[in-house]
Amino acid sequence: MEKSVPYFKRGLPHKGIHWLNKAVELEPQNYLCYRASWFFEYQSYQNCIADLERYFALPNPSIQFTPSGEMNMKIVLGLAYAKLGNYKRAAEMISAGIRENQRENLIGLFDFHALAVVQFLQGNHDDAILSCKRQLLQNGLLPDTYYYLGLALKKTGRMMEASDSFAKALNLIDQEGLKQNLCFQVNKSDIAKALMD
């Protein structure tokens, strides 16, 4: 695993994965999630899903997080499913990750945002609104969350609230140092277009 790190840092994922494959062969319990996080990073969602489903099928898998510690790997698994269009499985895994975090009194930076995006993509707009609001209670500085909140409000006919949410997203999008969601990235042009429509 240590031999893989310099290759990833240099932008050579194929060489990094080569060494990680060897680590996974020797100790799948310790390295499947780590390799899956790199697959996710490089948008190899099918490989990410394969590794994480294998990990969670092991006897007594422990709670795992991304290498940066920002996200529960069950939420990463849900987002990988979402990127491949399986929103039902995505919602199940993200919800499971949130429940795990809550049992441990942990609050993920993007947990409810991830759930809200999937709920919106499923067409569950009322649930998406609730999840966005829960996310904003934890962190009100996520432009992506205001954007998806605006989209869901718009779908439910609450146009004034939607416009207000898009305006907040636009105000935040250029602020330096603010994090955006890892998977369904929102651009300034997306927000501006939503505000104009």
N, C-alpha and C. Protein backbone atom coordinates (compact mmCIF):
# COMPACT_ATOMS: atom_id res chain seq x y z
N MET A 1 0.84 -1.20 0.00
CA MET A 1 0.00 0.00 0.00
C MET A 1 0.88 1.24 0.00
N GLU A 2 1.91 1.24 0.83
CA GLU A 2 2.80 2.41 0.90
C GLU A 2 3.47 2.66 -0.46
N LYS A 3 3.78 1.59 -1.18
CA LYS A 3 4.41 1.76 -2.50
C LYS A 3 3.45 2.41 -3.49
N SER A 4 2.15 2.29 -3.26
CA SER A 4 1.17 2.86 -4.19
C SER A 4 1.05 4.38 -4.05
N VAL A 5 1.29 4.90 -2.86
CA VAL A 5 1.01 6.31 -2.55
C VAL A 5 1.73 7.28 -3.48
N PRO A 6 3.05 7.14 -3.71
CA PRO A 6 3.72 8.11 -4.59
C PRO A 6 3.16 8.14 -6.01
N TYR A 7 2.69 6.99 -6.48
CA TYR A 7 2.13 6.95 -7.84
C TYR A 7 0.82 7.72 -7.91
N PHE A 8 -0.03 7.57 -6.89
CA PHE A 8 -1.28 8.33 -6.88
C PHE A 8 -0.99 9.83 -6.78
N LYS A 9 -0.02 10.19 -5.96
CA LYS A 9 0.32 11.62 -5.78
C LYS A 9 0.87 12.22 -7.06
N ARG A 10 1.49 11.40 -7.90
CA ARG A 10 2.04 11.89 -9.18
C ARG A 10 1.04 11.77 -10.33
N GLY A 11 -0.18 11.32 -10.02
CA GLY A 11 -1.19 11.19 -11.07
C GLY A 11 -0.99 9.98 -11.96
N LEU A 12 -0.42 8.92 -11.39
CA LEU A 12 -0.20 7.68 -12.14
C LEU A 12 -1.03 6.55 -11.49
N PRO A 13 -2.36 6.63 -11.62
CA PRO A 13 -3.21 5.68 -10.89
C PRO A 13 -3.01 4.22 -11.27
N HIS A 14 -2.68 3.93 -12.53
CA HIS A 14 -2.54 2.53 -12.93
C HIS A 14 -1.40 1.85 -12.17
N LYS A 15 -0.30 2.60 -11.98
CA LYS A 15 0.82 2.03 -11.23
C LYS A 15 0.47 1.92 -9.75
N GLY A 16 -0.27 2.92 -9.25
CA GLY A 16 -0.71 2.85 -7.86
C GLY A 16 -1.62 1.67 -7.60
N ILE A 17 -2.57 1.45 -8.50
CA ILE A 17 -3.51 0.34 -8.36
C ILE A 17 -2.78 -1.00 -8.43
N HIS A 18 -1.74 -1.07 -9.25
CA HIS A 18 -0.93 -2.30 -9.34
C HIS A 18 -0.45 -2.73 -7.95
N TRP A 19 0.11 -1.79 -7.19
CA TRP A 19 0.60 -2.11 -5.85
C TRP A 19 -0.55 -2.35 -4.87
N LEU A 20 -1.62 -1.59 -5.02
CA LEU A 20 -2.78 -1.80 -4.14
C LEU A 20 -3.40 -3.17 -4.35
N ASN A 21 -3.41 -3.64 -5.59
CA ASN A 21 -3.94 -4.98 -5.87
C ASN A 21 -3.20 -6.03 -5.04
N LYS A 22 -1.89 -5.86 -4.93
CA LYS A 22 -1.09 -6.81 -4.15
C LYS A 22 -1.43 -6.72 -2.66
N ALA A 23 -1.64 -5.49 -2.18
CA ALA A 23 -2.02 -5.31 -0.77
C ALA A 23 -3.38 -5.94 -0.50
N VAL A 24 -4.32 -5.77 -1.43
CA VAL A 24 -5.67 -6.35 -1.26
C VAL A 24 -5.60 -7.88 -1.27
N GLU A 25 -4.75 -8.45 -2.13
CA GLU A 25 -4.58 -9.91 -2.15
C GLU A 25 -4.14 -10.42 -0.79
N LEU A 26 -3.22 -9.69 -0.15
CA LEU A 26 -2.67 -10.13 1.13
C LEU A 26 -3.62 -9.86 2.30
N GLU A 27 -4.25 -8.67 2.30
CA GLU A 27 -5.08 -8.27 3.43
C GLU A 27 -6.33 -7.52 2.94
N PRO A 28 -7.32 -8.26 2.40
CA PRO A 28 -8.50 -7.58 1.87
C PRO A 28 -9.24 -6.75 2.92
N GLN A 29 -9.29 -7.22 4.15
CA GLN A 29 -10.00 -6.50 5.21
C GLN A 29 -9.41 -5.09 5.41
N ASN A 30 -8.10 -4.97 5.23
CA ASN A 30 -7.43 -3.69 5.49
C ASN A 30 -7.36 -2.77 4.28
N TYR A 31 -7.45 -3.31 3.06
CA TYR A 31 -7.15 -2.46 1.91
C TYR A 31 -8.25 -2.34 0.85
N LEU A 32 -9.32 -3.11 0.97
CA LEU A 32 -10.40 -2.99 -0.03
C LEU A 32 -11.00 -1.58 -0.04
N CYS A 33 -11.26 -1.02 1.12
CA CYS A 33 -11.87 0.32 1.18
C CYS A 33 -10.92 1.39 0.65
N TYR A 34 -9.64 1.23 0.96
CA TYR A 34 -8.66 2.20 0.47
C TYR A 34 -8.60 2.17 -1.05
N ARG A 35 -8.55 0.97 -1.63
CA ARG A 35 -8.53 0.87 -3.09
C ARG A 35 -9.83 1.40 -3.68
N ALA A 36 -10.95 1.09 -3.04
CA ALA A 36 -12.25 1.57 -3.53
C ALA A 36 -12.30 3.09 -3.56
N SER A 37 -11.69 3.74 -2.57
CA SER A 37 -11.70 5.21 -2.55
C SER A 37 -10.93 5.78 -3.74
N TRP A 38 -9.86 5.09 -4.14
CA TRP A 38 -9.13 5.54 -5.33
C TRP A 38 -9.92 5.26 -6.61
N PHE A 39 -10.60 4.13 -6.66
CA PHE A 39 -11.46 3.85 -7.82
C PHE A 39 -12.53 4.94 -7.94
N PHE A 40 -13.11 5.32 -6.80
CA PHE A 40 -14.13 6.37 -6.81
C PHE A 40 -13.53 7.70 -7.29
N GLU A 41 -12.37 8.01 -6.77
CA GLU A 41 -11.68 9.27 -7.13
C GLU A 41 -11.45 9.35 -8.64
N TYR A 42 -11.10 8.21 -9.25
CA TYR A 42 -10.82 8.18 -10.68
C TYR A 42 -12.03 7.75 -11.51
N GLN A 43 -13.21 7.83 -10.90
CA GLN A 43 -14.50 7.60 -11.57
C GLN A 43 -14.64 6.20 -12.15
N SER A 44 -13.97 5.25 -11.52
CA SER A 44 -14.13 3.85 -11.90
C SER A 44 -15.17 3.25 -10.94
N TYR A 45 -16.43 3.65 -11.16
CA TYR A 45 -17.49 3.37 -10.18
C TYR A 45 -17.80 1.88 -10.06
N GLN A 46 -17.73 1.15 -11.17
CA GLN A 46 -18.01 -0.29 -11.12
C GLN A 46 -16.99 -1.00 -10.24
N ASN A 47 -15.71 -0.63 -10.37
CA ASN A 47 -14.67 -1.23 -9.54
C ASN A 47 -14.83 -0.83 -8.08
N CYS A 48 -15.20 0.41 -7.84
CA CYS A 48 -15.45 0.90 -6.49
C CYS A 48 -16.56 0.07 -5.83
N ILE A 49 -17.65 -0.13 -6.56
CA ILE A 49 -18.78 -0.91 -6.05
C ILE A 49 -18.34 -2.35 -5.75
N ALA A 50 -17.58 -2.95 -6.67
CA ALA A 50 -17.14 -4.34 -6.47
C ALA A 50 -16.32 -4.46 -5.19
N ASP A 51 -15.39 -3.53 -4.97
CA ASP A 51 -14.55 -3.59 -3.77
C ASP A 51 -15.37 -3.39 -2.50
N LEU A 52 -16.27 -2.41 -2.52
CA LEU A 52 -17.02 -2.11 -1.30
C LEU A 52 -18.06 -3.18 -0.99
N GLU A 53 -18.72 -3.71 -2.00
CA GLU A 53 -19.66 -4.81 -1.75
C GLU A 53 -18.90 -6.02 -1.20
N ARG A 54 -17.72 -6.27 -1.72
CA ARG A 54 -16.90 -7.37 -1.20
C ARG A 54 -16.50 -7.10 0.25
N TYR A 55 -16.11 -5.86 0.54
CA TYR A 55 -15.70 -5.52 1.91
C TYR A 55 -16.86 -5.69 2.89
N PHE A 56 -18.03 -5.16 2.54
CA PHE A 56 -19.16 -5.22 3.47
C PHE A 56 -19.75 -6.63 3.58
N ALA A 57 -19.36 -7.54 2.68
CA ALA A 57 -19.78 -8.94 2.78
C ALA A 57 -18.83 -9.76 3.67
N LEU A 58 -17.68 -9.17 4.04
CA LEU A 58 -16.74 -9.86 4.93
C LEU A 58 -17.36 -10.01 6.32
N PRO A 59 -16.92 -10.98 7.09
CA PRO A 59 -17.46 -11.10 8.46
C PRO A 59 -17.06 -9.89 9.32
N ASN A 60 -18.02 -9.30 9.98
CA ASN A 60 -17.81 -8.17 10.91
C ASN A 60 -16.97 -7.03 10.33
N PRO A 61 -17.38 -6.44 9.21
CA PRO A 61 -16.61 -5.30 8.69
C PRO A 61 -16.77 -4.10 9.62
N SER A 62 -15.68 -3.40 9.86
CA SER A 62 -15.76 -2.22 10.72
C SER A 62 -16.18 -1.01 9.88
N ILE A 63 -16.59 0.05 10.55
CA ILE A 63 -16.93 1.30 9.85
C ILE A 63 -15.65 1.84 9.24
N GLN A 64 -15.71 2.21 7.98
CA GLN A 64 -14.55 2.74 7.27
C GLN A 64 -14.89 4.11 6.69
N PHE A 65 -13.87 4.95 6.57
CA PHE A 65 -14.03 6.29 6.00
C PHE A 65 -13.04 6.48 4.86
N THR A 66 -13.29 7.50 4.05
CA THR A 66 -12.33 7.85 3.00
C THR A 66 -10.99 8.20 3.65
N PRO A 67 -9.89 8.11 2.90
CA PRO A 67 -8.58 8.41 3.50
C PRO A 67 -8.51 9.78 4.18
N SER A 68 -9.28 10.75 3.68
CA SER A 68 -9.30 12.08 4.31
C SER A 68 -10.18 12.10 5.55
N GLY A 69 -10.96 11.04 5.77
CA GLY A 69 -11.84 10.96 6.93
C GLY A 69 -13.15 11.70 6.79
N GLU A 70 -13.46 12.21 5.60
CA GLU A 70 -14.65 13.04 5.41
C GLU A 70 -15.94 12.26 5.21
N MET A 71 -15.85 11.02 4.69
CA MET A 71 -17.08 10.35 4.31
C MET A 71 -17.04 8.86 4.63
N ASN A 72 -18.13 8.38 5.20
CA ASN A 72 -18.32 6.96 5.47
C ASN A 72 -18.33 6.22 4.12
N MET A 73 -17.65 5.07 4.07
CA MET A 73 -17.53 4.33 2.81
C MET A 73 -18.86 3.78 2.32
N LYS A 74 -19.85 3.60 3.21
CA LYS A 74 -21.18 3.20 2.72
C LYS A 74 -21.80 4.34 1.91
N ILE A 75 -21.51 5.57 2.28
CA ILE A 75 -22.01 6.71 1.52
C ILE A 75 -21.29 6.79 0.18
N VAL A 76 -19.99 6.51 0.18
CA VAL A 76 -19.24 6.45 -1.08
C VAL A 76 -19.84 5.38 -1.98
N LEU A 77 -20.16 4.22 -1.40
CA LEU A 77 -20.77 3.14 -2.19
C LEU A 77 -22.11 3.61 -2.78
N GLY A 78 -22.90 4.31 -1.98
CA GLY A 78 -24.17 4.85 -2.48
C GLY A 78 -23.96 5.82 -3.62
N LEU A 79 -22.98 6.70 -3.49
CA LEU A 79 -22.71 7.67 -4.56
C LEU A 79 -22.23 6.98 -5.84
N ALA A 80 -21.45 5.90 -5.68
CA ALA A 80 -21.01 5.15 -6.87
C ALA A 80 -22.22 4.53 -7.58
N TYR A 81 -23.15 3.98 -6.81
CA TYR A 81 -24.38 3.46 -7.42
C TYR A 81 -25.16 4.58 -8.10
N ALA A 82 -25.21 5.74 -7.46
CA ALA A 82 -25.94 6.88 -8.05
C ALA A 82 -25.33 7.30 -9.38
N LYS A 83 -24.01 7.30 -9.45
CA LYS A 83 -23.35 7.69 -10.70
C LYS A 83 -23.67 6.72 -11.83
N LEU A 84 -24.02 5.47 -11.48
CA LEU A 84 -24.39 4.49 -12.49
C LEU A 84 -25.90 4.38 -12.68
N GLY A 85 -26.64 5.29 -12.00
CA GLY A 85 -28.09 5.37 -12.22
C GLY A 85 -28.94 4.47 -11.35
N ASN A 86 -28.34 3.75 -10.40
CA ASN A 86 -29.11 2.88 -9.51
C ASN A 86 -29.44 3.67 -8.24
N TYR A 87 -30.45 4.53 -8.33
CA TYR A 87 -30.76 5.46 -7.24
C TYR A 87 -31.38 4.76 -6.04
N LYS A 88 -32.09 3.68 -6.28
CA LYS A 88 -32.70 2.94 -5.16
C LYS A 88 -31.61 2.37 -4.25
N ARG A 89 -30.66 1.68 -4.84
CA ARG A 89 -29.54 1.11 -4.06
C ARG A 89 -28.71 2.23 -3.46
N ALA A 90 -28.54 3.32 -4.20
CA ALA A 90 -27.78 4.46 -3.69
C ALA A 90 -28.41 5.00 -2.42
N ALA A 91 -29.72 5.21 -2.42
CA ALA A 91 -30.41 5.74 -1.25
C ALA A 91 -30.30 4.78 -0.07
N GLU A 92 -30.38 3.48 -0.34
CA GLU A 92 -30.25 2.48 0.74
C GLU A 92 -28.88 2.58 1.41
N MET A 93 -27.83 2.65 0.60
CA MET A 93 -26.48 2.65 1.15
C MET A 93 -26.16 3.97 1.85
N ILE A 94 -26.59 5.09 1.28
CA ILE A 94 -26.34 6.38 1.92
C ILE A 94 -27.07 6.45 3.26
N SER A 95 -28.32 5.98 3.28
CA SER A 95 -29.09 5.96 4.53
C SER A 95 -28.42 5.06 5.57
N ALA A 96 -27.90 3.92 5.13
CA ALA A 96 -27.19 3.02 6.05
C ALA A 96 -25.94 3.69 6.61
N GLY A 97 -25.21 4.41 5.77
CA GLY A 97 -24.02 5.13 6.22
C GLY A 97 -24.37 6.22 7.22
N ILE A 98 -25.46 6.93 6.99
CA ILE A 98 -25.90 7.98 7.92
C ILE A 98 -26.27 7.36 9.26
N ARG A 99 -27.00 6.24 9.23
CA ARG A 99 -27.37 5.57 10.49
C ARG A 99 -26.14 5.12 11.26
N GLU A 100 -25.15 4.57 10.55
CA GLU A 100 -23.90 4.17 11.20
C GLU A 100 -23.24 5.36 11.87
N ASN A 101 -23.16 6.46 11.14
CA ASN A 101 -22.53 7.67 11.69
C ASN A 101 -23.28 8.16 12.92
N GLN A 102 -24.59 8.15 12.86
CA GLN A 102 -25.39 8.64 13.98
C GLN A 102 -25.19 7.77 15.22
N ARG A 103 -25.09 6.45 15.02
CA ARG A 103 -24.84 5.55 16.17
C ARG A 103 -23.51 5.87 16.85
N GLU A 104 -22.56 6.35 16.06
CA GLU A 104 -21.23 6.68 16.59
C GLU A 104 -21.11 8.18 16.94
N ASN A 105 -22.23 8.90 16.88
CA ASN A 105 -22.24 10.35 17.12
C ASN A 105 -21.28 11.11 16.20
N LEU A 106 -21.26 10.69 14.96
CA LEU A 106 -20.44 11.34 13.94
C LEU A 106 -21.34 12.10 12.98
N ILE A 107 -20.87 13.23 12.52
CA ILE A 107 -21.61 13.98 11.51
C ILE A 107 -20.70 14.15 10.30
N GLY A 108 -21.09 13.56 9.19
CA GLY A 108 -20.29 13.68 7.98
C GLY A 108 -20.52 15.03 7.32
N LEU A 109 -19.51 15.51 6.62
CA LEU A 109 -19.60 16.83 5.98
C LEU A 109 -20.66 16.91 4.90
N PHE A 110 -20.93 15.78 4.23
CA PHE A 110 -21.83 15.80 3.09
C PHE A 110 -22.94 14.74 3.17
N ASP A 111 -23.14 14.14 4.32
CA ASP A 111 -24.04 12.99 4.43
C ASP A 111 -25.44 13.27 3.90
N PHE A 112 -26.08 14.28 4.45
CA PHE A 112 -27.46 14.56 4.05
C PHE A 112 -27.53 15.20 2.66
N HIS A 113 -26.46 15.87 2.27
CA HIS A 113 -26.41 16.40 0.90
C HIS A 113 -26.43 15.23 -0.10
N ALA A 114 -25.61 14.21 0.16
CA ALA A 114 -25.56 13.05 -0.73
C ALA A 114 -26.93 12.40 -0.83
N LEU A 115 -27.59 12.26 0.32
CA LEU A 115 -28.93 11.66 0.31
C LEU A 115 -29.92 12.54 -0.45
N ALA A 116 -29.83 13.85 -0.26
CA ALA A 116 -30.74 14.78 -0.94
C ALA A 116 -30.59 14.69 -2.46
N VAL A 117 -29.36 14.63 -2.94
CA VAL A 117 -29.13 14.54 -4.39
C VAL A 117 -29.79 13.28 -4.96
N VAL A 118 -29.59 12.16 -4.28
CA VAL A 118 -30.17 10.90 -4.76
C VAL A 118 -31.69 10.96 -4.69
N GLN A 119 -32.23 11.51 -3.62
CA GLN A 119 -33.69 11.64 -3.51
C GLN A 119 -34.23 12.52 -4.63
N PHE A 120 -33.52 13.60 -4.94
CA PHE A 120 -33.95 14.47 -6.03
C PHE A 120 -33.93 13.71 -7.36
N LEU A 121 -32.86 12.98 -7.60
CA LEU A 121 -32.74 12.22 -8.85
C LEU A 121 -33.80 11.13 -8.95
N GLN A 122 -34.27 10.62 -7.81
CA GLN A 122 -35.35 9.63 -7.79
C GLN A 122 -36.71 10.28 -8.03
N GLY A 123 -36.78 11.60 -7.90
CA GLY A 123 -38.06 12.29 -8.00
C GLY A 123 -38.76 12.45 -6.66
N ASN A 124 -38.07 12.15 -5.56
CA ASN A 124 -38.63 12.32 -4.22
C ASN A 124 -38.31 13.74 -3.72
N HIS A 125 -39.00 14.71 -4.28
CA HIS A 125 -38.63 16.11 -4.05
C HIS A 125 -38.87 16.57 -2.62
N ASP A 126 -39.95 16.13 -2.00
CA ASP A 126 -40.21 16.53 -0.61
C ASP A 126 -39.13 15.98 0.32
N ASP A 127 -38.74 14.72 0.10
CA ASP A 127 -37.67 14.13 0.91
C ASP A 127 -36.35 14.85 0.67
N ALA A 128 -36.09 15.22 -0.58
CA ALA A 128 -34.86 15.95 -0.91
C ALA A 128 -34.82 17.29 -0.19
N ILE A 129 -35.95 17.97 -0.11
CA ILE A 129 -36.01 19.26 0.60
C ILE A 129 -35.66 19.05 2.08
N LEU A 130 -36.23 18.04 2.69
CA LEU A 130 -35.94 17.76 4.11
C LEU A 130 -34.47 17.43 4.32
N SER A 131 -33.90 16.63 3.44
CA SER A 131 -32.48 16.26 3.57
C SER A 131 -31.58 17.47 3.37
N CYS A 132 -31.92 18.32 2.40
CA CYS A 132 -31.13 19.55 2.20
C CYS A 132 -31.18 20.42 3.45
N LYS A 133 -32.36 20.55 4.04
CA LYS A 133 -32.49 21.39 5.23
C LYS A 133 -31.71 20.81 6.41
N ARG A 134 -31.70 19.49 6.52
CA ARG A 134 -30.89 18.86 7.58
C ARG A 134 -29.41 19.12 7.35
N GLN A 135 -28.99 19.05 6.07
CA GLN A 135 -27.59 19.32 5.75
C GLN A 135 -27.23 20.76 6.10
N LEU A 136 -28.10 21.69 5.75
CA LEU A 136 -27.81 23.11 5.99
C LEU A 136 -27.82 23.47 7.47
N LEU A 137 -28.53 22.69 8.28
CA LEU A 137 -28.46 22.89 9.74
C LEU A 137 -27.06 22.55 10.26
N GLN A 138 -26.44 21.56 9.64
CA GLN A 138 -25.08 21.17 10.04
C GLN A 138 -24.02 22.07 9.43
N ASN A 139 -24.26 22.47 8.19
CA ASN A 139 -23.29 23.31 7.49
C ASN A 139 -24.06 24.14 6.46
N GLY A 140 -24.24 25.41 6.76
CA GLY A 140 -24.98 26.31 5.88
C GLY A 140 -24.13 26.97 4.81
N LEU A 141 -22.92 26.45 4.58
CA LEU A 141 -22.01 27.07 3.62
C LEU A 141 -21.72 26.15 2.43
N LEU A 142 -22.70 25.35 2.05
CA LEU A 142 -22.51 24.46 0.90
C LEU A 142 -23.35 24.94 -0.28
N PRO A 143 -22.72 25.57 -1.26
CA PRO A 143 -23.49 26.07 -2.40
C PRO A 143 -24.26 24.97 -3.13
N ASP A 144 -23.66 23.78 -3.21
CA ASP A 144 -24.32 22.66 -3.89
C ASP A 144 -25.65 22.31 -3.23
N THR A 145 -25.67 22.35 -1.91
CA THR A 145 -26.89 22.00 -1.19
C THR A 145 -27.98 23.03 -1.45
N TYR A 146 -27.63 24.31 -1.45
CA TYR A 146 -28.62 25.34 -1.77
C TYR A 146 -29.14 25.17 -3.19
N TYR A 147 -28.26 24.76 -4.10
CA TYR A 147 -28.67 24.53 -5.49
C TYR A 147 -29.70 23.40 -5.57
N TYR A 148 -29.41 22.25 -4.96
CA TYR A 148 -30.35 21.14 -5.01
C TYR A 148 -31.63 21.44 -4.23
N LEU A 149 -31.50 22.20 -3.16
CA LEU A 149 -32.70 22.63 -2.44
C LEU A 149 -33.57 23.47 -3.36
N GLY A 150 -32.94 24.39 -4.09
CA GLY A 150 -33.68 25.22 -5.05
C GLY A 150 -34.37 24.38 -6.11
N LEU A 151 -33.66 23.39 -6.65
CA LEU A 151 -34.26 22.53 -7.67
C LEU A 151 -35.48 21.78 -7.13
N ALA A 152 -35.35 21.24 -5.91
CA ALA A 152 -36.46 20.49 -5.31
C ALA A 152 -37.63 21.41 -4.98
N LEU A 153 -37.34 22.61 -4.47
CA LEU A 153 -38.41 23.57 -4.19
C LEU A 153 -39.16 23.95 -5.47
N LYS A 154 -38.39 24.14 -6.53
CA LYS A 154 -38.97 24.49 -7.83
C LYS A 154 -39.91 23.39 -8.31
N LYS A 155 -39.50 22.14 -8.14
CA LYS A 155 -40.32 21.01 -8.58
C LYS A 155 -41.62 20.92 -7.78
N THR A 156 -41.62 21.45 -6.56
CA THR A 156 -42.83 21.41 -5.73
C THR A 156 -43.62 22.71 -5.83
N GLY A 157 -43.23 23.59 -6.77
CA GLY A 157 -43.99 24.81 -7.03
C GLY A 157 -43.70 25.97 -6.08
N ARG A 158 -42.66 25.87 -5.29
CA ARG A 158 -42.33 26.93 -4.33
C ARG A 158 -41.27 27.84 -4.94
N MET A 159 -41.70 28.63 -5.93
CA MET A 159 -40.77 29.37 -6.78
C MET A 159 -39.99 30.46 -6.04
N MET A 160 -40.64 31.17 -5.13
CA MET A 160 -39.94 32.24 -4.40
C MET A 160 -38.83 31.66 -3.52
N GLU A 161 -39.16 30.58 -2.82
CA GLU A 161 -38.15 29.93 -1.98
C GLU A 161 -37.02 29.36 -2.83
N ALA A 162 -37.37 28.82 -3.99
CA ALA A 162 -36.36 28.28 -4.90
C ALA A 162 -35.40 29.37 -5.35
N SER A 163 -35.94 30.52 -5.74
CA SER A 163 -35.09 31.64 -6.18
C SER A 163 -34.16 32.09 -5.07
N ASP A 164 -34.68 32.14 -3.85
CA ASP A 164 -33.87 32.54 -2.70
C ASP A 164 -32.72 31.54 -2.49
N SER A 165 -33.03 30.25 -2.64
CA SER A 165 -32.01 29.22 -2.47
C SER A 165 -30.94 29.30 -3.56
N PHE A 166 -31.36 29.53 -4.80
CA PHE A 166 -30.38 29.68 -5.89
C PHE A 166 -29.50 30.91 -5.67
N ALA A 167 -30.08 32.00 -5.17
CA ALA A 167 -29.31 33.22 -4.89
C ALA A 167 -28.25 32.95 -3.82
N LYS A 168 -28.62 32.18 -2.79
CA LYS A 168 -27.65 31.83 -1.74
C LYS A 168 -26.53 30.98 -2.32
N ALA A 169 -26.89 30.04 -3.18
CA ALA A 169 -25.87 29.19 -3.82
C ALA A 169 -24.90 30.05 -4.63
N LEU A 170 -25.46 31.00 -5.38
CA LEU A 170 -24.63 31.87 -6.23
C LEU A 170 -23.69 32.73 -5.38
N ASN A 171 -24.19 33.21 -4.23
CA ASN A 171 -23.36 34.01 -3.33
C ASN A 171 -22.19 33.21 -2.77
N LEU A 172 -22.42 31.92 -2.52
CA LEU A 172 -21.40 31.09 -1.87
C LEU A 172 -20.41 30.46 -2.84
N ILE A 173 -20.80 30.29 -4.08
CA ILE A 173 -20.01 29.47 -5.01
C ILE A 173 -18.59 30.00 -5.22
N ASP A 174 -18.41 31.30 -5.15
CA ASP A 174 -17.08 31.87 -5.39
C ASP A 174 -16.27 32.08 -4.12
N GLN A 175 -16.84 31.78 -2.97
CA GLN A 175 -16.09 32.00 -1.73
C GLN A 175 -14.99 30.97 -1.60
N GLU A 176 -13.80 31.45 -1.37
CA GLU A 176 -12.63 30.59 -1.29
C GLU A 176 -12.69 29.70 -0.05
N GLY A 177 -12.26 28.47 -0.22
CA GLY A 177 -12.16 27.57 0.92
C GLY A 177 -13.42 26.77 1.21
N LEU A 178 -14.52 27.07 0.51
CA LEU A 178 -15.74 26.31 0.77
C LEU A 178 -15.70 25.00 -0.02
N LYS A 179 -16.05 23.92 0.65
CA LYS A 179 -16.05 22.62 0.00
C LYS A 179 -17.33 22.40 -0.78
N GLN A 180 -17.20 21.66 -1.86
CA GLN A 180 -18.37 21.24 -2.62
C GLN A 180 -18.45 19.72 -2.58
N ASN A 181 -19.60 19.20 -2.92
CA ASN A 181 -19.80 17.76 -2.87
C ASN A 181 -18.84 17.05 -3.81
N LEU A 182 -18.43 15.85 -3.41
CA LEU A 182 -17.42 15.11 -4.15
C LEU A 182 -17.90 14.55 -5.48
N CYS A 183 -19.18 14.36 -5.64
CA CYS A 183 -19.64 13.53 -6.74
C CYS A 183 -20.46 14.27 -7.79
N PHE A 184 -21.49 14.98 -7.39
CA PHE A 184 -22.36 15.66 -8.33
C PHE A 184 -22.05 17.16 -8.26
N GLN A 185 -20.92 17.52 -8.85
CA GLN A 185 -20.41 18.89 -8.75
C GLN A 185 -21.34 19.89 -9.45
N VAL A 186 -21.54 21.01 -8.81
CA VAL A 186 -22.38 22.08 -9.35
C VAL A 186 -21.48 23.22 -9.79
N ASN A 187 -21.72 23.75 -10.97
CA ASN A 187 -20.96 24.87 -11.50
C ASN A 187 -21.75 26.17 -11.35
N LYS A 188 -21.03 27.25 -11.39
CA LYS A 188 -21.67 28.57 -11.29
C LYS A 188 -22.70 28.76 -12.39
N SER A 189 -22.39 28.27 -13.59
CA SER A 189 -23.32 28.41 -14.72
C SER A 189 -24.62 27.64 -14.49
N ASP A 190 -24.55 26.50 -13.77
CA ASP A 190 -25.75 25.73 -13.45
C ASP A 190 -26.68 26.56 -12.55
N ILE A 191 -26.07 27.21 -11.57
CA ILE A 191 -26.85 28.00 -10.62
C ILE A 191 -27.46 29.22 -11.32
N ALA A 192 -26.64 29.89 -12.12
CA ALA A 192 -27.12 31.08 -12.83
C ALA A 192 -28.28 30.72 -13.76
N LYS A 193 -28.16 29.59 -14.44
CA LYS A 193 -29.23 29.15 -15.35
C LYS A 193 -30.51 28.85 -14.56
N ALA A 194 -30.37 28.16 -13.43
CA ALA A 194 -31.54 27.82 -12.61
C ALA A 194 -32.22 29.09 -12.09
N LEU A 195 -31.42 30.10 -11.78
CA LEU A 195 -31.96 31.36 -11.28
C LEU A 195 -32.72 32.12 -12.37
N MET A 196 -32.27 31.97 -13.61
CA MET A 196 -32.89 32.68 -14.73
C MET A 196 -34.17 31.98 -15.23
N ASP A 197 -34.24 30.66 -15.09
CA ASP A 197 -35.39 29.90 -15.60
C ASP A 197 -36.66 30.20 -14.85
